[in-house]
Amino acid sequence: TKDNKTFSFDVKSLKKSNRSDSNTDSNIHWIEI
């Protein structure tokens, strides 16, 4: 909330491209349909 306006957020951290990967991949994101 700022200036009497409120916005809502869903926060998504970095994810791996594949579950077997050891590190996250900042080049991609997964979107849940």
Full PDB file with SEQRES, HELIX, SHEET, SSBOND, CRYST1, ORIGX, SCALE, CONECT and MASTER records, all heavy atoms in Angstrom:
SEQRES   1 A   33  THR LYS ASP ASN LYS THR PHE SER PHE ASP VAL LYS SER          
SEQRES   2 A   33  LEU LYS LYS SER ASN ARG SER ASP SER ASN THR ASP SER          
SEQRES   3 A   33  ASN ILE HIS TRP ILE GLU ILE                                  
CRYST1    1.000    1.000    1.000  90.00  90.00  90.00 P 1           1          
ORIGX1      1.000000  0.000000  0.000000        0.00000                         
ORIGX2      0.000000  1.000000  0.000000        0.00000                         
ORIGX3      0.000000  0.000000  1.000000        0.00000                         
SCALE1      1.000000  0.000000  0.000000        0.00000                         
SCALE2      0.000000  1.000000  0.000000        0.00000                         
SCALE3      0.000000  0.000000  1.000000        0.00000                         
ATOM      1  N   THR A   1       0.844  -1.190   0.000  1.00  0.00           N  
ATOM      2  CA  THR A   1       0.000   0.000   0.000  1.00  0.00           C  
ATOM      3  C   THR A   1       0.878   1.239   0.000  1.00  0.00           C  
ATOM      4  O   THR A   1       1.802   1.357   0.795  1.00  0.00           O  
ATOM      5  CB  THR A   1      -0.932   0.018   1.234  1.00  0.00           C  
ATOM      6  OG1 THR A   1      -1.708  -1.188   1.235  1.00  0.00           O  
ATOM      7  CG2 THR A   1      -1.865   1.214   1.198  1.00  0.00           C  
ATOM      8  N   LYS A   2       0.568   2.132  -0.943  1.00  0.00           N  
ATOM      9  CA  LYS A   2       1.260   3.423  -1.036  1.00  0.00           C  
ATOM     10  C   LYS A   2       0.274   4.434  -1.617  1.00  0.00           C  
ATOM     11  O   LYS A   2      -0.451   4.108  -2.566  1.00  0.00           O  
ATOM     12  CB  LYS A   2       2.497   3.319  -1.924  1.00  0.00           C  
ATOM     13  CG  LYS A   2       3.284   4.611  -1.969  1.00  0.00           C  
ATOM     14  CD  LYS A   2       4.537   4.500  -2.789  1.00  0.00           C  
ATOM     15  CE  LYS A   2       5.229   5.864  -2.815  1.00  0.00           C  
ATOM     16  NZ  LYS A   2       6.354   5.887  -3.710  1.00  0.00           N  
ATOM     17  N   ASP A   3       0.259   5.626  -1.055  1.00  0.00           N  
ATOM     18  CA  ASP A   3      -0.624   6.701  -1.539  1.00  0.00           C  
ATOM     19  C   ASP A   3      -2.084   6.238  -1.621  1.00  0.00           C  
ATOM     20  O   ASP A   3      -2.775   6.481  -2.612  1.00  0.00           O  
ATOM     21  CB  ASP A   3      -0.156   7.221  -2.904  1.00  0.00           C  
ATOM     22  CG  ASP A   3       1.257   7.757  -2.866  1.00  0.00           C  
ATOM     23  OD1 ASP A   3       1.683   8.244  -1.804  1.00  0.00           O  
ATOM     24  OD2 ASP A   3       1.949   7.684  -3.908  1.00  0.00           O  
ATOM     25  N   ASN A   4      -2.521   5.525  -0.590  1.00  0.00           N  
ATOM     26  CA  ASN A   4      -3.903   5.028  -0.498  1.00  0.00           C  
ATOM     27  C   ASN A   4      -4.299   4.070  -1.621  1.00  0.00           C  
ATOM     28  O   ASN A   4      -5.484   3.881  -1.883  1.00  0.00           O  
ATOM     29  CB  ASN A   4      -4.906   6.188  -0.425  1.00  0.00           C  
ATOM     30  CG  ASN A   4      -4.749   6.981   0.851  1.00  0.00           C  
ATOM     31  OD1 ASN A   4      -4.545   6.404   1.923  1.00  0.00           O  
ATOM     32  ND2 ASN A   4      -4.818   8.295   0.744  1.00  0.00           N  
ATOM     33  N   LYS A   5      -3.315   3.489  -2.298  1.00  0.00           N  
ATOM     34  CA  LYS A   5      -3.590   2.465  -3.314  1.00  0.00           C  
ATOM     35  C   LYS A   5      -2.931   1.175  -2.846  1.00  0.00           C  
ATOM     36  O   LYS A   5      -1.807   1.192  -2.340  1.00  0.00           O  
ATOM     37  CB  LYS A   5      -3.027   2.869  -4.675  1.00  0.00           C  
ATOM     38  CG  LYS A   5      -3.738   4.037  -5.303  1.00  0.00           C  
ATOM     39  CD  LYS A   5      -3.135   4.361  -6.660  1.00  0.00           C  
ATOM     40  CE  LYS A   5      -3.700   5.668  -7.176  1.00  0.00           C  
ATOM     41  NZ  LYS A   5      -2.801   6.327  -8.100  1.00  0.00           N  
ATOM     42  N   THR A   6      -3.625   0.057  -3.035  1.00  0.00           N  
ATOM     43  CA  THR A   6      -3.092  -1.244  -2.618  1.00  0.00           C  
ATOM     44  C   THR A   6      -2.992  -2.175  -3.825  1.00  0.00           C  
ATOM     45  O   THR A   6      -3.926  -2.257  -4.625  1.00  0.00           O  
ATOM     46  CB  THR A   6      -3.982  -1.877  -1.529  1.00  0.00           C  
ATOM     47  OG1 THR A   6      -4.009  -0.996  -0.402  1.00  0.00           O  
ATOM     48  CG2 THR A   6      -3.448  -3.227  -1.087  1.00  0.00           C  
ATOM     49  N   PHE A   7      -1.850  -2.837  -3.931  1.00  0.00           N  
ATOM     50  CA  PHE A   7      -1.596  -3.792  -5.006  1.00  0.00           C  
ATOM     51  C   PHE A   7      -1.224  -5.131  -4.380  1.00  0.00           C  
ATOM     52  O   PHE A   7      -0.545  -5.176  -3.353  1.00  0.00           O  
ATOM     53  CB  PHE A   7      -0.452  -3.299  -5.900  1.00  0.00           C  
ATOM     54  CG  PHE A   7      -0.709  -1.946  -6.494  1.00  0.00           C  
ATOM     55  CD1 PHE A   7      -0.224  -0.801  -5.874  1.00  0.00           C  
ATOM     56  CD2 PHE A   7      -1.439  -1.815  -7.662  1.00  0.00           C  
ATOM     57  CE1 PHE A   7      -0.474   0.461  -6.411  1.00  0.00           C  
ATOM     58  CE2 PHE A   7      -1.689  -0.564  -8.205  1.00  0.00           C  
ATOM     59  CZ  PHE A   7      -1.206   0.583  -7.580  1.00  0.00           C  
ATOM     60  N   SER A   8      -1.653  -6.205  -5.026  1.00  0.00           N  
ATOM     61  CA  SER A   8      -1.361  -7.549  -4.511  1.00  0.00           C  
ATOM     62  C   SER A   8      -0.322  -8.237  -5.385  1.00  0.00           C  
ATOM     63  O   SER A   8      -0.264  -8.008  -6.598  1.00  0.00           O  
ATOM     64  CB  SER A   8      -2.646  -8.380  -4.450  1.00  0.00           C  
ATOM     65  OG  SER A   8      -3.286  -8.410  -5.712  1.00  0.00           O  
ATOM     66  N   PHE A   9       0.498  -9.084  -4.738  1.00  0.00           N  
ATOM     67  CA  PHE A   9       1.609  -9.756  -5.414  1.00  0.00           C  
ATOM     68  C   PHE A   9       1.656 -11.239  -5.088  1.00  0.00           C  
ATOM     69  O   PHE A   9       1.427 -11.641  -3.948  1.00  0.00           O  
ATOM     70  CB  PHE A   9       2.952  -9.147  -4.964  1.00  0.00           C  
ATOM     71  CG  PHE A   9       3.160  -7.733  -5.417  1.00  0.00           C  
ATOM     72  CD1 PHE A   9       2.705  -6.676  -4.643  1.00  0.00           C  
ATOM     73  CD2 PHE A   9       3.798  -7.457  -6.611  1.00  0.00           C  
ATOM     74  CE1 PHE A   9       2.899  -5.365  -5.051  1.00  0.00           C  
ATOM     75  CE2 PHE A   9       3.987  -6.149  -7.026  1.00  0.00           C  
ATOM     76  CZ  PHE A   9       3.537  -5.104  -6.246  1.00  0.00           C  
ATOM     77  N   ASP A  10       1.995 -12.019  -6.098  1.00  0.00           N  
ATOM     78  CA  ASP A  10       2.376 -13.415  -5.921  1.00  0.00           C  
ATOM     79  C   ASP A  10       3.863 -13.445  -6.266  1.00  0.00           C  
ATOM     80  O   ASP A  10       4.265 -12.989  -7.343  1.00  0.00           O  
ATOM     81  CB  ASP A  10       1.568 -14.313  -6.856  1.00  0.00           C  
ATOM     82  CG  ASP A  10       1.668 -15.791  -6.512  1.00  0.00           C  
ATOM     83  OD1 ASP A  10       2.343 -16.140  -5.522  1.00  0.00           O  
ATOM     84  OD2 ASP A  10       1.061 -16.604  -7.236  1.00  0.00           O  
ATOM     85  N   VAL A  11       4.696 -13.926  -5.351  1.00  0.00           N  
ATOM     86  CA  VAL A  11       6.149 -13.847  -5.479  1.00  0.00           C  
ATOM     87  C   VAL A  11       6.711 -15.177  -5.959  1.00  0.00           C  
ATOM     88  O   VAL A  11       6.427 -16.224  -5.359  1.00  0.00           O  
ATOM     89  CB  VAL A  11       6.787 -13.440  -4.129  1.00  0.00           C  
ATOM     90  CG1 VAL A  11       8.300 -13.374  -4.240  1.00  0.00           C  
ATOM     91  CG2 VAL A  11       6.215 -12.103  -3.654  1.00  0.00           C  
ATOM     92  N   LYS A  12       7.505 -15.141  -7.031  1.00  0.00           N  
ATOM     93  CA  LYS A  12       8.087 -16.354  -7.617  1.00  0.00           C  
ATOM     94  C   LYS A  12       9.606 -16.257  -7.622  1.00  0.00           C  
ATOM     95  O   LYS A  12      10.186 -15.406  -8.296  1.00  0.00           O  
ATOM     96  CB  LYS A  12       7.578 -16.547  -9.062  1.00  0.00           C  
ATOM     97  CG  LYS A  12       6.068 -16.660  -9.169  1.00  0.00           C  
ATOM     98  CD  LYS A  12       5.556 -17.854  -8.413  1.00  0.00           C  
ATOM     99  CE  LYS A  12       4.044 -17.875  -8.336  1.00  0.00           C  
ATOM    100  NZ  LYS A  12       3.587 -18.880  -7.368  1.00  0.00           N  
ATOM    101  N   SER A  13      10.232 -17.143  -6.880  1.00  0.00           N  
ATOM    102  CA  SER A  13      11.697 -17.173  -6.825  1.00  0.00           C  
ATOM    103  C   SER A  13      12.250 -17.898  -8.045  1.00  0.00           C  
ATOM    104  O   SER A  13      11.503 -18.504  -8.825  1.00  0.00           O  
ATOM    105  CB  SER A  13      12.155 -17.868  -5.543  1.00  0.00           C  
ATOM    106  OG  SER A  13      11.720 -19.205  -5.543  1.00  0.00           O  
ATOM    107  N   LEU A  14      13.563 -17.841  -8.201  1.00  0.00           N  
ATOM    108  CA  LEU A  14      14.237 -18.564  -9.284  1.00  0.00           C  
ATOM    109  C   LEU A  14      13.975 -20.061  -9.152  1.00  0.00           C  
ATOM    110  O   LEU A  14      13.897 -20.592  -8.045  1.00  0.00           O  
ATOM    111  CB  LEU A  14      15.739 -18.309  -9.251  1.00  0.00           C  
ATOM    112  CG  LEU A  14      16.192 -16.938  -9.729  1.00  0.00           C  
ATOM    113  CD1 LEU A  14      17.668 -16.725  -9.404  1.00  0.00           C  
ATOM    114  CD2 LEU A  14      15.955 -16.789 -11.221  1.00  0.00           C  
ATOM    115  N   LYS A  15      13.836 -20.725 -10.292  1.00  0.00           N  
ATOM    116  CA  LYS A  15      13.604 -22.170 -10.318  1.00  0.00           C  
ATOM    117  C   LYS A  15      14.634 -22.833 -11.224  1.00  0.00           C  
ATOM    118  O   LYS A  15      15.289 -22.185 -12.024  1.00  0.00           O  
ATOM    119  CB  LYS A  15      12.201 -22.478 -10.875  1.00  0.00           C  
ATOM    120  CG  LYS A  15      11.054 -21.853 -10.108  1.00  0.00           C  
ATOM    121  CD  LYS A  15      10.820 -22.524  -8.783  1.00  0.00           C  
ATOM    122  CE  LYS A  15       9.541 -22.078  -8.118  1.00  0.00           C  
ATOM    123  NZ  LYS A  15       9.593 -20.816  -7.419  1.00  0.00           N  
ATOM    124  N   LYS A  16      14.708 -24.151 -11.110  1.00  0.00           N  
ATOM    125  CA  LYS A  16      15.565 -24.939 -11.991  1.00  0.00           C  
ATOM    126  C   LYS A  16      14.829 -25.174 -13.301  1.00  0.00           C  
ATOM    127  O   LYS A  16      13.598 -25.216 -13.342  1.00  0.00           O  
ATOM    128  CB  LYS A  16      15.871 -26.291 -11.346  1.00  0.00           C  
ATOM    129  CG  LYS A  16      16.628 -26.195 -10.038  1.00  0.00           C  
ATOM    130  CD  LYS A  16      16.782 -27.585  -9.439  1.00  0.00           C  
ATOM    131  CE  LYS A  16      17.502 -27.523  -8.112  1.00  0.00           C  
ATOM    132  NZ  LYS A  16      17.680 -28.861  -7.540  1.00  0.00           N  
ATOM    133  N   SER A  17      15.573 -25.350 -14.374  1.00  0.00           N  
ATOM    134  CA  SER A  17      14.963 -25.698 -15.648  1.00  0.00           C  
ATOM    135  C   SER A  17      14.467 -27.145 -15.608  1.00  0.00           C  
ATOM    136  O   SER A  17      13.403 -27.469 -16.108  1.00  0.00           O  
ATOM    137  CB  SER A  17      15.966 -25.503 -16.785  1.00  0.00           C  
ATOM    138  OG  SER A  17      15.329 -25.698 -18.025  1.00  0.00           O  
ATOM    139  N   ASN A  18      15.260 -28.009 -14.963  1.00  0.00           N  
ATOM    140  CA  ASN A  18      14.893 -29.410 -14.770  1.00  0.00           C  
ATOM    141  C   ASN A  18      15.125 -29.761 -13.304  1.00  0.00           C  
ATOM    142  O   ASN A  18      16.071 -29.264 -12.692  1.00  0.00           O  
ATOM    143  CB  ASN A  18      15.759 -30.332 -15.636  1.00  0.00           C  
ATOM    144  CG  ASN A  18      15.540 -30.086 -17.108  1.00  0.00           C  
ATOM    145  OD1 ASN A  18      14.493 -30.394 -17.649  1.00  0.00           O  
ATOM    146  ND2 ASN A  18      16.531 -29.495 -17.755  1.00  0.00           N  
ATOM    147  N   ARG A  19      14.299 -30.634 -12.747  1.00  0.00           N  
ATOM    148  CA  ARG A  19      14.450 -31.013 -11.339  1.00  0.00           C  
ATOM    149  C   ARG A  19      15.835 -31.567 -11.031  1.00  0.00           C  
ATOM    150  O   ARG A  19      16.336 -31.399  -9.939  1.00  0.00           O  
ATOM    151  CB  ARG A  19      13.407 -32.064 -10.956  1.00  0.00           C  
ATOM    152  CG  ARG A  19      12.068 -31.469 -10.718  1.00  0.00           C  
ATOM    153  CD  ARG A  19      11.061 -32.512 -10.299  1.00  0.00           C  
ATOM    154  NE  ARG A  19       9.820 -31.813  -9.999  1.00  0.00           N  
ATOM    155  CZ  ARG A  19       9.126 -31.981  -8.892  1.00  0.00           C  
ATOM    156  NH1 ARG A  19       9.499 -32.844  -8.000  1.00  0.00           N  
ATOM    157  NH2 ARG A  19       8.036 -31.297  -8.693  1.00  0.00           N  
ATOM    158  N   SER A  20      16.444 -32.224 -12.007  1.00  0.00           N  
ATOM    159  CA  SER A  20      17.751 -32.848 -11.789  1.00  0.00           C  
ATOM    160  C   SER A  20      18.905 -31.832 -11.800  1.00  0.00           C  
ATOM    161  O   SER A  20      20.006 -32.157 -11.393  1.00  0.00           O  
ATOM    162  CB  SER A  20      17.997 -33.920 -12.848  1.00  0.00           C  
ATOM    163  OG  SER A  20      17.939 -33.335 -14.138  1.00  0.00           O  
ATOM    164  N   ASP A  21      18.622 -30.606 -12.272  1.00  0.00           N  
ATOM    165  CA  ASP A  21      19.677 -29.580 -12.305  1.00  0.00           C  
ATOM    166  C   ASP A  21      20.127 -29.249 -10.889  1.00  0.00           C  
ATOM    167  O   ASP A  21      19.327 -29.258  -9.952  1.00  0.00           O  
ATOM    168  CB  ASP A  21      19.171 -28.300 -12.982  1.00  0.00           C  
ATOM    169  CG  ASP A  21      18.874 -28.494 -14.461  1.00  0.00           C  
ATOM    170  OD1 ASP A  21      19.248 -29.545 -15.008  1.00  0.00           O  
ATOM    171  OD2 ASP A  21      18.252 -27.590 -15.045  1.00  0.00           O  
ATOM    172  N   SER A  22      21.396 -28.925 -10.737  1.00  0.00           N  
ATOM    173  CA  SER A  22      21.894 -28.572  -9.406  1.00  0.00           C  
ATOM    174  C   SER A  22      21.657 -27.099  -9.078  1.00  0.00           C  
ATOM    175  O   SER A  22      21.575 -26.730  -7.920  1.00  0.00           O  
ATOM    176  CB  SER A  22      23.369 -28.937  -9.264  1.00  0.00           C  
ATOM    177  OG  SER A  22      24.109 -28.415 -10.332  1.00  0.00           O  
ATOM    178  N   ASN A  23      21.516 -26.250 -10.095  1.00  0.00           N  
ATOM    179  CA  ASN A  23      21.340 -24.814  -9.862  1.00  0.00           C  
ATOM    180  C   ASN A  23      20.082 -24.281 -10.533  1.00  0.00           C  
ATOM    181  O   ASN A  23      19.577 -24.878 -11.488  1.00  0.00           O  
ATOM    182  CB  ASN A  23      22.548 -24.040 -10.401  1.00  0.00           C  
ATOM    183  CG  ASN A  23      23.817 -24.369  -9.650  1.00  0.00           C  
ATOM    184  OD1 ASN A  23      23.836 -24.421  -8.430  1.00  0.00           O  
ATOM    185  ND2 ASN A  23      24.883 -24.616 -10.395  1.00  0.00           N  
ATOM    186  N   THR A  24      19.627 -23.128 -10.035  1.00  0.00           N  
ATOM    187  CA  THR A  24      18.491 -22.467 -10.666  1.00  0.00           C  
ATOM    188  C   THR A  24      18.937 -21.870 -11.999  1.00  0.00           C  
ATOM    189  O   THR A  24      20.119 -21.697 -12.242  1.00  0.00           O  
ATOM    190  CB  THR A  24      17.931 -21.349  -9.757  1.00  0.00           C  
ATOM    191  OG1 THR A  24      18.978 -20.433  -9.451  1.00  0.00           O  
ATOM    192  CG2 THR A  24      17.342 -21.925  -8.472  1.00  0.00           C  
ATOM    193  N   ASP A  25      17.952 -21.552 -12.840  1.00  0.00           N  
ATOM    194  CA  ASP A  25      18.224 -21.012 -14.175  1.00  0.00           C  
ATOM    195  C   ASP A  25      17.506 -19.669 -14.307  1.00  0.00           C  
ATOM    196  O   ASP A  25      16.280 -19.628 -14.399  1.00  0.00           O  
ATOM    197  CB  ASP A  25      17.728 -22.007 -15.227  1.00  0.00           C  
ATOM    198  CG  ASP A  25      18.048 -21.581 -16.645  1.00  0.00           C  
ATOM    199  OD1 ASP A  25      18.429 -20.416 -16.869  1.00  0.00           O  
ATOM    200  OD2 ASP A  25      17.900 -22.427 -17.546  1.00  0.00           O  
ATOM    201  N   SER A  26      18.266 -18.589 -14.314  1.00  0.00           N  
ATOM    202  CA  SER A  26      17.646 -17.261 -14.367  1.00  0.00           C  
ATOM    203  C   SER A  26      17.120 -16.906 -15.766  1.00  0.00           C  
ATOM    204  O   SER A  26      16.493 -15.868 -15.930  1.00  0.00           O  
ATOM    205  CB  SER A  26      18.624 -16.194 -13.890  1.00  0.00           C  
ATOM    206  OG  SER A  26      19.704 -16.098 -14.787  1.00  0.00           O  
ATOM    207  N   ASN A  27      17.350 -17.777 -16.737  1.00  0.00           N  
ATOM    208  CA  ASN A  27      16.863 -17.516 -18.094  1.00  0.00           C  
ATOM    209  C   ASN A  27      15.429 -17.970 -18.323  1.00  0.00           C  
ATOM    210  O   ASN A  27      14.833 -17.640 -19.342  1.00  0.00           O  
ATOM    211  CB  ASN A  27      17.763 -18.211 -19.126  1.00  0.00           C  
ATOM    212  CG  ASN A  27      19.165 -17.645 -19.103  1.00  0.00           C  
ATOM    213  OD1 ASN A  27      19.348 -16.440 -19.210  1.00  0.00           O  
ATOM    214  ND2 ASN A  27      20.141 -18.509 -18.925  1.00  0.00           N  
ATOM    215  N   ILE A  28      14.895 -18.761 -17.381  1.00  0.00           N  
ATOM    216  CA  ILE A  28      13.535 -19.287 -17.553  1.00  0.00           C  
ATOM    217  C   ILE A  28      12.723 -19.108 -16.274  1.00  0.00           C  
ATOM    218  O   ILE A  28      13.270 -18.904 -15.185  1.00  0.00           O  
ATOM    219  CB  ILE A  28      13.535 -20.789 -17.948  1.00  0.00           C  
ATOM    220  CG1 ILE A  28      14.188 -21.669 -16.858  1.00  0.00           C  
ATOM    221  CG2 ILE A  28      14.218 -21.010 -19.286  1.00  0.00           C  
ATOM    222  CD1 ILE A  28      13.212 -22.304 -15.904  1.00  0.00           C  
ATOM    223  N   HIS A  29      11.418 -19.190 -16.427  1.00  0.00           N  
ATOM    224  CA  HIS A  29      10.478 -19.281 -15.296  1.00  0.00           C  
ATOM    225  C   HIS A  29       9.376 -20.242 -15.701  1.00  0.00           C  
ATOM    226  O   HIS A  29       9.060 -20.388 -16.887  1.00  0.00           O  
ATOM    227  CB  HIS A  29       9.893 -17.915 -14.944  1.00  0.00           C  
ATOM    228  CG  HIS A  29      10.795 -17.109 -14.080  1.00  0.00           C  
ATOM    229  ND1 HIS A  29      10.854 -17.262 -12.718  1.00  0.00           N  
ATOM    230  CD2 HIS A  29      11.696 -16.160 -14.377  1.00  0.00           C  
ATOM    231  CE1 HIS A  29      11.744 -16.439 -12.214  1.00  0.00           C  
ATOM    232  NE2 HIS A  29      12.281 -15.756 -13.212  1.00  0.00           N  
ATOM    233  N   TRP A  30       8.803 -20.904 -14.713  1.00  0.00           N  
ATOM    234  CA  TRP A  30       7.687 -21.825 -14.935  1.00  0.00           C  
ATOM    235  C   TRP A  30       6.400 -21.120 -14.541  1.00  0.00           C  
ATOM    236  O   TRP A  30       6.312 -20.503 -13.489  1.00  0.00           O  
ATOM    237  CB  TRP A  30       7.858 -23.084 -14.090  1.00  0.00           C  
ATOM    238  CG  TRP A  30       8.958 -23.978 -14.555  1.00  0.00           C  
ATOM    239  CD1 TRP A  30      10.233 -24.059 -14.059  1.00  0.00           C  
ATOM    240  CD2 TRP A  30       8.890 -24.937 -15.612  1.00  0.00           C  
ATOM    241  NE1 TRP A  30      10.951 -25.002 -14.747  1.00  0.00           N  
ATOM    242  CE2 TRP A  30      10.154 -25.564 -15.704  1.00  0.00           C  
ATOM    243  CE3 TRP A  30       7.883 -25.328 -16.498  1.00  0.00           C  
ATOM    244  CZ2 TRP A  30      10.424 -26.562 -16.635  1.00  0.00           C  
ATOM    245  CZ3 TRP A  30       8.159 -26.317 -17.425  1.00  0.00           C  
ATOM    246  CH2 TRP A  30       9.426 -26.925 -17.495  1.00  0.00           C  
ATOM    247  N   ILE A  31       5.377 -21.220 -15.393  1.00  0.00           N  
ATOM    248  CA  ILE A  31       4.074 -20.615 -15.137  1.00  0.00           C  
ATOM    249  C   ILE A  31       3.076 -21.750 -14.903  1.00  0.00           C  
ATOM    250  O   ILE A  31       2.955 -22.653 -15.734  1.00  0.00           O  
ATOM    251  CB  ILE A  31       3.601 -19.764 -16.343  1.00  0.00           C  
ATOM    252  CG1 ILE A  31       4.707 -18.803 -16.815  1.00  0.00           C  
ATOM    253  CG2 ILE A  31       2.293 -19.051 -16.020  1.00  0.00           C  
ATOM    254  CD1 ILE A  31       5.210 -17.826 -15.792  1.00  0.00           C  
ATOM    255  N   GLU A  32       2.367 -21.679 -13.776  1.00  0.00           N  
ATOM    256  CA  GLU A  32       1.416 -22.735 -13.422  1.00  0.00           C  
ATOM    257  C   GLU A  32       0.043 -22.441 -14.026  1.00  0.00           C  
ATOM    258  O   GLU A  32      -0.612 -21.478 -13.661  1.00  0.00           O  
ATOM    259  CB  GLU A  32       1.307 -22.832 -11.894  1.00  0.00           C  
ATOM    260  CG  GLU A  32       0.417 -23.953 -11.423  1.00  0.00           C  
ATOM    261  CD  GLU A  32       0.222 -23.921  -9.924  1.00  0.00           C  
ATOM    262  OE1 GLU A  32      -0.448 -22.981  -9.429  1.00  0.00           O  
ATOM    263  OE2 GLU A  32       0.748 -24.824  -9.251  1.00  0.00           O  
ATOM    264  N   ILE A  33      -0.363 -23.305 -14.965  1.00  0.00           N  
ATOM    265  CA  ILE A  33      -1.665 -23.190 -15.627  1.00  0.00           C  
ATOM    266  C   ILE A  33      -2.734 -23.913 -14.794  1.00  0.00           C  
ATOM    267  O   ILE A  33      -3.813 -23.393 -14.561  1.00  0.00           O  
ATOM    268  CB  ILE A  33      -1.608 -23.785 -17.056  1.00  0.00           C  
ATOM    269  CG1 ILE A  33      -0.460 -23.143 -17.874  1.00  0.00           C  
ATOM    270  CG2 ILE A  33      -2.953 -23.656 -17.761  1.00  0.00           C  
ATOM    271  CD1 ILE A  33      -0.556 -21.649 -18.068  1.00  0.00           C  
TER     272      ILE A  33                                                      
MASTER        0    0    0    0    0    0    0    6  271    1    0    3          
END                                                                             
